[in-house]
């Protein structure tokens, strides 16, 4: 025969077990919608050359939804002495991130394929090449490892016709469609 204390313990245990799936779901990262990333992010900053000369540069990220869980991504970042990173393609929503898996083989067969992710990280759009697998898309002083742009810089893309007519966009869409068809 159960005592009142034992019954309360049993009911409390059953209640915790029943709440477990909701708690696990609540701790999982939210699903990304490509619309939550859509737009143009940019920052304008002073840059320099080894000669001491200074000039203005712009970092730009463009994200255009092309499907329910896919988006065209272009990342163009500027670095010291005129070096840059420039990469584009169609990424897919994976958890709370947009992830681009480069379909092109790496420059050396022993290297892993380039994988680039974009996520909301506090007040920033975080661009992450965690393993430095996308280095071939950057100049000597450039990197796609842990780069950020402020989320407050996000604007609607007002030049969609020009963007869709660009070589980068057309190439990305052709590659994406070719990979999607059996």
Protein backbone atom coordinates (compact mmCIF):
# COMPACT_ATOMS: atom_id res chain seq x y z
CA UNK A 1 0.00 0.00 0.00
CA UNK A 2 1.38 3.39 -1.00
CA UNK A 3 1.63 6.20 1.47
CA UNK A 4 0.56 9.73 0.63
CA UNK A 5 4.21 10.75 0.28
CA UNK A 6 4.87 7.79 -2.03
CA UNK A 7 1.81 8.66 -4.12
CA UNK A 8 2.95 12.31 -4.42
CA UNK A 9 6.42 11.10 -5.48
CA UNK A 10 4.90 8.76 -8.08
CA UNK A 11 2.63 11.51 -9.46
CA UNK A 12 5.51 13.98 -9.53
CA UNK A 13 7.70 11.45 -11.39
CA UNK A 14 4.94 10.77 -13.92
CA UNK A 15 4.51 14.54 -14.39
CA UNK A 16 8.25 15.03 -15.00
CA UNK A 17 8.35 12.18 -17.50
CA UNK A 18 5.32 13.60 -19.32
CA UNK A 19 7.00 17.04 -19.48
CA UNK A 20 10.31 15.65 -20.76
CA UNK A 21 9.50 15.73 -24.53
CA UNK A 22 8.40 19.38 -24.25
CA UNK A 23 11.59 20.27 -22.35
CA UNK A 24 13.78 18.50 -24.91
CA UNK A 25 11.95 20.25 -27.75
CA UNK A 26 12.28 23.64 -26.02
CA UNK A 27 16.06 23.21 -25.71
CA UNK A 28 16.50 22.25 -29.37
CA UNK A 29 17.62 25.08 -31.66
CA UNK A 30 14.70 26.70 -33.46
CA UNK A 31 14.16 25.78 -37.08
CA UNK A 32 15.43 28.39 -39.49
CA UNK A 33 13.21 29.97 -42.04
CA UNK A 34 15.09 31.35 -44.99
CA UNK A 35 12.83 34.41 -44.80
CA UNK A 36 14.33 35.25 -41.39
CA UNK A 37 17.67 35.73 -43.17
CA UNK A 38 16.50 37.35 -46.42
CA UNK A 39 18.05 40.69 -47.33
CA UNK A 40 21.29 42.57 -47.79
CA UNK A 41 23.65 43.00 -44.85
CA UNK A 42 26.56 45.41 -45.12
CA UNK A 43 29.12 47.41 -43.26
CA UNK A 44 31.24 50.34 -44.49
CA UNK A 45 34.66 50.73 -42.89
CA UNK A 46 38.15 52.21 -43.23
CA UNK A 47 40.67 49.82 -44.69
CA UNK A 48 44.36 50.16 -45.43
CA UNK A 49 47.34 49.19 -47.52
CA UNK A 50 50.82 48.22 -46.34
CA UNK A 51 52.01 51.59 -47.75
CA UNK A 52 49.95 53.33 -45.06
CA UNK A 53 47.32 54.58 -47.50
CA UNK A 54 43.73 54.26 -46.26
CA UNK A 55 40.55 53.69 -48.24
CA UNK A 56 36.90 52.76 -47.68
CA UNK A 57 35.65 49.19 -48.03
CA UNK A 58 32.30 47.44 -47.84
CA UNK A 59 31.48 43.95 -46.60
CA UNK A 60 28.26 42.65 -48.15
CA UNK A 61 26.14 39.55 -47.65
CA UNK A 62 23.11 38.93 -49.89
CA UNK A 63 20.52 36.27 -49.04
CA UNK A 64 17.63 35.56 -51.42
CA UNK A 65 15.10 32.78 -50.71
CA UNK A 66 14.81 30.39 -53.68
CA UNK A 67 12.72 27.70 -52.00
CA UNK A 68 11.01 26.91 -48.73
CA UNK A 69 14.28 25.76 -47.12
CA UNK A 70 16.88 27.12 -49.57
CA UNK A 71 18.43 30.51 -50.27
CA UNK A 72 20.98 32.02 -52.63
CA UNK A 73 23.88 33.31 -50.54
CA UNK A 74 26.68 35.62 -51.58
CA UNK A 75 29.37 36.69 -49.14
CA UNK A 76 31.82 39.38 -50.24
CA UNK A 77 34.23 40.53 -47.53
CA UNK A 78 37.15 42.99 -47.78
CA UNK A 79 40.42 42.74 -45.86
CA UNK A 80 43.64 44.65 -45.37
CA UNK A 81 45.83 45.42 -48.40
CA UNK A 82 43.06 44.79 -50.94
CA UNK A 83 42.46 41.12 -50.16
CA UNK A 84 38.92 39.74 -50.17
CA UNK A 85 36.69 36.69 -49.84
CA UNK A 86 33.98 36.10 -52.43
CA UNK A 87 31.76 33.03 -52.35
CA UNK A 88 28.23 32.30 -53.59
CA UNK A 89 25.84 29.41 -53.94
CA UNK A 90 22.57 28.00 -52.65
CA UNK A 91 22.49 27.10 -48.97
CA UNK A 92 19.87 25.13 -47.06
CA UNK A 93 18.26 25.69 -43.69
CA UNK A 94 19.81 23.31 -41.14
CA UNK A 95 18.47 23.87 -37.62
CA UNK A 96 19.02 27.54 -36.78
CA UNK A 97 21.54 28.11 -39.60
CA UNK A 98 21.77 28.50 -43.35
CA UNK A 99 24.51 26.17 -44.56
CA UNK A 100 26.24 26.16 -47.92
CA UNK A 101 28.00 22.93 -48.92
CA UNK A 102 30.24 23.74 -51.88
CA UNK A 103 29.59 21.24 -54.69
CA UNK A 104 33.00 21.97 -56.25
CA UNK A 105 35.89 19.70 -55.35
CA UNK A 106 38.50 21.21 -53.01
CA UNK A 107 41.72 22.52 -54.61
CA UNK A 108 43.61 19.49 -53.25
CA UNK A 109 41.99 16.04 -53.04
CA UNK A 110 43.15 15.64 -49.42
CA UNK A 111 41.21 18.72 -48.27
CA UNK A 112 37.60 18.60 -47.06
CA UNK A 113 34.80 20.28 -49.02
CA UNK A 114 34.05 23.91 -48.19
CA UNK A 115 31.14 24.29 -45.74
CA UNK A 116 29.98 27.78 -44.80
CA UNK A 117 27.23 28.60 -42.30
CA UNK A 118 25.28 31.74 -41.51
CA UNK A 119 23.41 32.23 -38.24
CA UNK A 120 21.92 34.89 -36.02
CA UNK A 121 24.34 35.32 -33.13
CA UNK A 122 23.24 37.99 -30.67
CA UNK A 123 23.22 41.32 -32.53
CA UNK A 124 25.13 39.91 -35.51
CA UNK A 125 24.89 37.77 -38.60
CA UNK A 126 27.66 35.24 -38.00
CA UNK A 127 29.53 33.88 -41.02
CA UNK A 128 31.39 30.74 -40.04
CA UNK A 129 33.86 28.51 -41.82
CA UNK A 130 34.71 26.60 -38.67
CA UNK A 131 37.31 24.32 -40.26
CA UNK A 132 38.75 26.94 -42.67
CA UNK A 133 37.60 24.72 -45.55
CA UNK A 134 36.61 27.71 -47.73
CA UNK A 135 40.04 29.39 -47.69
CA UNK A 136 40.40 28.98 -51.45
CA UNK A 137 37.66 31.62 -51.89
CA UNK A 138 39.79 34.21 -50.09
CA UNK A 139 42.89 36.23 -50.76
CA UNK A 140 45.99 35.89 -48.59
CA UNK A 141 44.73 38.06 -45.71
CA UNK A 142 41.08 37.02 -46.01
CA UNK A 143 39.13 34.48 -43.98
CA UNK A 144 35.55 33.33 -43.62
CA UNK A 145 36.20 32.10 -40.09
CA UNK A 146 34.04 33.86 -37.49
CA UNK A 147 33.15 37.00 -39.44
CA UNK A 148 30.18 39.15 -38.44
CA UNK A 149 27.92 41.83 -39.84
CA UNK A 150 25.38 43.69 -37.68
CA UNK A 151 21.80 42.45 -37.99
CA UNK A 152 20.74 46.12 -37.87
CA UNK A 153 22.37 46.58 -41.30
CA UNK A 154 19.84 44.23 -42.92
CA UNK A 155 17.88 45.90 -45.74
CA UNK A 156 15.55 44.61 -48.46
CA UNK A 157 17.35 43.94 -51.72
CA UNK A 158 16.13 46.67 -54.08
CA UNK A 159 18.14 45.48 -57.10
CA UNK A 160 16.63 42.00 -57.54
CA UNK A 161 16.52 42.16 -61.35
CA UNK A 162 20.25 43.00 -61.52
CA UNK A 163 21.08 40.35 -58.90
CA UNK A 164 19.10 37.64 -60.74
CA UNK A 165 20.83 38.62 -64.01
CA UNK A 166 24.29 38.34 -62.43
CA UNK A 167 26.66 35.55 -63.44
CA UNK A 168 27.01 34.48 -59.79
CA UNK A 169 23.27 34.03 -59.27
CA UNK A 170 22.72 32.21 -62.58
CA UNK A 171 25.65 29.89 -61.89
CA UNK A 172 24.40 29.14 -58.36
CA UNK A 173 20.88 28.41 -59.57
CA UNK A 174 22.08 26.12 -62.38
CA UNK A 175 24.31 24.17 -59.98
CA UNK A 176 21.52 23.90 -57.39
CA UNK A 177 18.94 22.71 -59.94
CA UNK A 178 21.40 20.21 -61.46
CA UNK A 179 22.09 18.72 -58.02
CA UNK A 180 18.36 18.53 -57.21
CA UNK A 181 17.44 16.52 -60.31
CA UNK A 182 18.21 12.79 -60.33
